[in-house]
Amino acid sequence: MASNYKYLFQKFRTEIVVISVGDPKLDSEQAFEEIASMLHYYLMNMYSKRRNHSIGLDMKVNRT
C-alpha cells in the first residue's frame, strides 16, 4: 500500500514529511483523511468561483 502512495507522490513531484509520530491511526486512514480534506477544499473553491461568476452575470442583467 505504501508503495502506491510513494508512486503517486513521485509522479506529482511532491514529498511527504512526517512531523508527528504519536498518532495511532493507520497510515491509510490518515492519507484518506488528507485527500478528502484537499478534495473538499478544491470543490468549495470551485463552487465559490462559479457562484461569484453567476452573481456577476445576474448584476449585469439587472443593470440593463
N, C-alpha and C. Protein backbone atom coordinates (compact mmCIF):
# COMPACT_ATOMS: atom_id res chain seq x y z
N MET A 1 0.82 -1.20 0.00
CA MET A 1 0.00 0.00 0.00
C MET A 1 0.86 1.26 0.00
N ALA A 2 1.90 1.28 0.81
CA ALA A 2 2.76 2.46 0.89
C ALA A 2 3.44 2.74 -0.45
N SER A 3 3.75 1.70 -1.21
CA SER A 3 4.41 1.91 -2.50
C SER A 3 3.48 2.63 -3.47
N ASN A 4 2.17 2.41 -3.37
CA ASN A 4 1.22 3.13 -4.22
C ASN A 4 1.27 4.62 -3.95
N TYR A 5 1.31 4.97 -2.68
CA TYR A 5 1.39 6.39 -2.31
C TYR A 5 2.72 6.98 -2.74
N LYS A 6 3.79 6.21 -2.57
CA LYS A 6 5.12 6.69 -2.96
C LYS A 6 5.13 7.00 -4.45
N TYR A 7 4.56 6.12 -5.26
CA TYR A 7 4.49 6.34 -6.71
C TYR A 7 3.66 7.59 -7.02
N LEU A 8 2.53 7.75 -6.35
CA LEU A 8 1.66 8.90 -6.59
C LEU A 8 2.38 10.21 -6.27
N PHE A 9 3.06 10.26 -5.14
CA PHE A 9 3.75 11.48 -4.75
C PHE A 9 4.94 11.77 -5.66
N GLN A 10 5.64 10.73 -6.10
CA GLN A 10 6.75 10.94 -7.03
C GLN A 10 6.25 11.42 -8.38
N LYS A 11 5.10 10.94 -8.80
CA LYS A 11 4.54 11.34 -10.09
C LYS A 11 4.27 12.83 -10.14
N PHE A 12 3.80 13.39 -9.02
CA PHE A 12 3.49 14.82 -8.97
C PHE A 12 4.60 15.63 -8.31
N ARG A 13 5.76 15.02 -8.19
CA ARG A 13 6.95 15.65 -7.64
C ARG A 13 6.69 16.32 -6.29
N THR A 14 6.09 15.57 -5.40
CA THR A 14 5.84 16.06 -4.05
C THR A 14 6.56 15.18 -3.05
N GLU A 15 6.73 15.70 -1.86
CA GLU A 15 7.40 14.96 -0.81
C GLU A 15 6.57 15.08 0.46
N ILE A 16 6.38 13.98 1.13
CA ILE A 16 5.63 13.96 2.38
C ILE A 16 6.64 13.91 3.52
N VAL A 17 6.52 14.86 4.43
CA VAL A 17 7.42 14.91 5.58
C VAL A 17 6.58 14.67 6.83
N VAL A 18 6.95 13.67 7.61
CA VAL A 18 6.23 13.35 8.84
C VAL A 18 6.72 14.28 9.93
N ILE A 19 5.78 15.03 10.55
CA ILE A 19 6.18 15.95 11.60
C ILE A 19 5.75 15.49 12.98
N SER A 20 4.87 14.50 13.06
CA SER A 20 4.49 13.95 14.35
C SER A 20 4.33 12.44 14.20
N VAL A 21 4.68 11.72 15.25
CA VAL A 21 4.65 10.27 15.17
C VAL A 21 3.68 9.68 16.19
N GLY A 22 3.07 10.49 17.05
CA GLY A 22 2.27 9.98 18.16
C GLY A 22 0.86 9.57 17.82
N ASP A 23 0.39 9.73 16.59
CA ASP A 23 -0.99 9.42 16.23
C ASP A 23 -1.15 7.92 15.97
N PRO A 24 -2.10 7.26 16.66
CA PRO A 24 -2.25 5.81 16.49
C PRO A 24 -3.00 5.38 15.23
N LYS A 25 -3.46 6.33 14.41
CA LYS A 25 -4.21 5.97 13.20
C LYS A 25 -3.30 5.26 12.20
N LEU A 26 -3.90 4.44 11.39
CA LEU A 26 -3.17 3.78 10.32
C LEU A 26 -2.77 4.80 9.26
N ASP A 27 -1.70 4.54 8.58
CA ASP A 27 -1.24 5.43 7.52
C ASP A 27 -2.31 5.62 6.45
N SER A 28 -3.00 4.53 6.11
CA SER A 28 -4.02 4.62 5.07
C SER A 28 -5.18 5.50 5.51
N GLU A 29 -5.56 5.45 6.79
CA GLU A 29 -6.63 6.30 7.30
C GLU A 29 -6.22 7.77 7.25
N GLN A 30 -5.00 8.06 7.64
CA GLN A 30 -4.53 9.43 7.61
C GLN A 30 -4.46 9.95 6.18
N ALA A 31 -3.95 9.15 5.27
CA ALA A 31 -3.85 9.57 3.88
C ALA A 31 -5.24 9.82 3.30
N PHE A 32 -6.20 8.95 3.60
CA PHE A 32 -7.56 9.14 3.10
C PHE A 32 -8.16 10.45 3.64
N GLU A 33 -7.97 10.72 4.93
CA GLU A 33 -8.49 11.95 5.51
C GLU A 33 -7.86 13.19 4.88
N GLU A 34 -6.57 13.14 4.62
CA GLU A 34 -5.89 14.28 4.00
C GLU A 34 -6.39 14.50 2.57
N ILE A 35 -6.53 13.42 1.82
CA ILE A 35 -7.02 13.54 0.44
C ILE A 35 -8.46 14.06 0.43
N ALA A 36 -9.29 13.57 1.34
CA ALA A 36 -10.68 14.04 1.44
C ALA A 36 -10.71 15.52 1.80
N SER A 37 -9.84 15.95 2.68
CA SER A 37 -9.77 17.35 3.08
C SER A 37 -9.36 18.23 1.89
N MET A 38 -8.35 17.80 1.14
CA MET A 38 -7.92 18.58 -0.02
C MET A 38 -9.01 18.62 -1.09
N LEU A 39 -9.70 17.52 -1.30
CA LEU A 39 -10.79 17.47 -2.28
C LEU A 39 -11.91 18.42 -1.87
N HIS A 40 -12.25 18.43 -0.59
CA HIS A 40 -13.29 19.32 -0.09
C HIS A 40 -12.90 20.78 -0.32
N TYR A 41 -11.65 21.13 -0.02
CA TYR A 41 -11.18 22.50 -0.24
C TYR A 41 -11.28 22.87 -1.71
N TYR A 42 -10.83 21.99 -2.60
CA TYR A 42 -10.86 22.26 -4.03
C TYR A 42 -12.30 22.46 -4.52
N LEU A 43 -13.20 21.58 -4.10
CA LEU A 43 -14.59 21.68 -4.55
C LEU A 43 -15.26 22.96 -4.05
N MET A 44 -14.99 23.34 -2.80
CA MET A 44 -15.57 24.58 -2.27
C MET A 44 -15.00 25.79 -2.98
N ASN A 45 -13.74 25.73 -3.34
CA ASN A 45 -13.12 26.82 -4.08
C ASN A 45 -13.76 26.96 -5.46
N MET A 46 -13.96 25.85 -6.14
CA MET A 46 -14.60 25.88 -7.46
C MET A 46 -16.05 26.34 -7.37
N TYR A 47 -16.78 25.89 -6.33
CA TYR A 47 -18.16 26.32 -6.14
C TYR A 47 -18.22 27.82 -5.93
N SER A 48 -17.30 28.35 -5.13
CA SER A 48 -17.28 29.78 -4.85
C SER A 48 -17.03 30.58 -6.12
N LYS A 49 -16.09 30.12 -6.95
CA LYS A 49 -15.81 30.83 -8.20
C LYS A 49 -17.03 30.81 -9.12
N ARG A 50 -17.69 29.65 -9.20
CA ARG A 50 -18.87 29.54 -10.06
C ARG A 50 -19.99 30.43 -9.54
N ARG A 51 -20.17 30.45 -8.22
CA ARG A 51 -21.22 31.26 -7.62
C ARG A 51 -20.94 32.74 -7.82
N ASN A 52 -19.71 33.17 -7.62
CA ASN A 52 -19.35 34.58 -7.81
C ASN A 52 -19.53 34.98 -9.27
N HIS A 53 -19.20 34.11 -10.20
CA HIS A 53 -19.38 34.39 -11.61
C HIS A 53 -20.87 34.54 -11.93
N SER A 54 -21.69 33.67 -11.36
CA SER A 54 -23.13 33.71 -11.58
C SER A 54 -23.73 34.99 -11.02
N ILE A 55 -23.30 35.40 -9.85
CA ILE A 55 -23.80 36.64 -9.24
C ILE A 55 -23.42 37.84 -10.10
N GLY A 56 -22.19 37.83 -10.63
CA GLY A 56 -21.75 38.91 -11.51
C GLY A 56 -22.60 39.00 -12.76
N LEU A 57 -22.98 37.86 -13.33
CA LEU A 57 -23.83 37.87 -14.52
C LEU A 57 -25.22 38.39 -14.17
N ASP A 58 -25.76 38.02 -13.01
CA ASP A 58 -27.08 38.50 -12.59
C ASP A 58 -27.06 40.01 -12.41
N MET A 59 -26.00 40.55 -11.89
CA MET A 59 -25.92 42.01 -11.67
C MET A 59 -25.87 42.74 -13.00
N LYS A 60 -25.16 42.17 -14.00
CA LYS A 60 -25.09 42.80 -15.32
C LYS A 60 -26.47 42.80 -15.98
N VAL A 61 -27.22 41.71 -15.84
CA VAL A 61 -28.55 41.61 -16.44
C VAL A 61 -29.50 42.61 -15.80
N ASN A 62 -29.42 42.77 -14.49
CA ASN A 62 -30.31 43.68 -13.78
C ASN A 62 -30.04 45.14 -14.08
N ARG A 63 -28.83 45.50 -14.49
CA ARG A 63 -28.47 46.89 -14.81
C ARG A 63 -29.11 47.35 -16.11
N THR A 64 -29.33 46.43 -17.03
CA THR A 64 -29.85 46.84 -18.34
C THR A 64 -31.35 46.90 -18.38
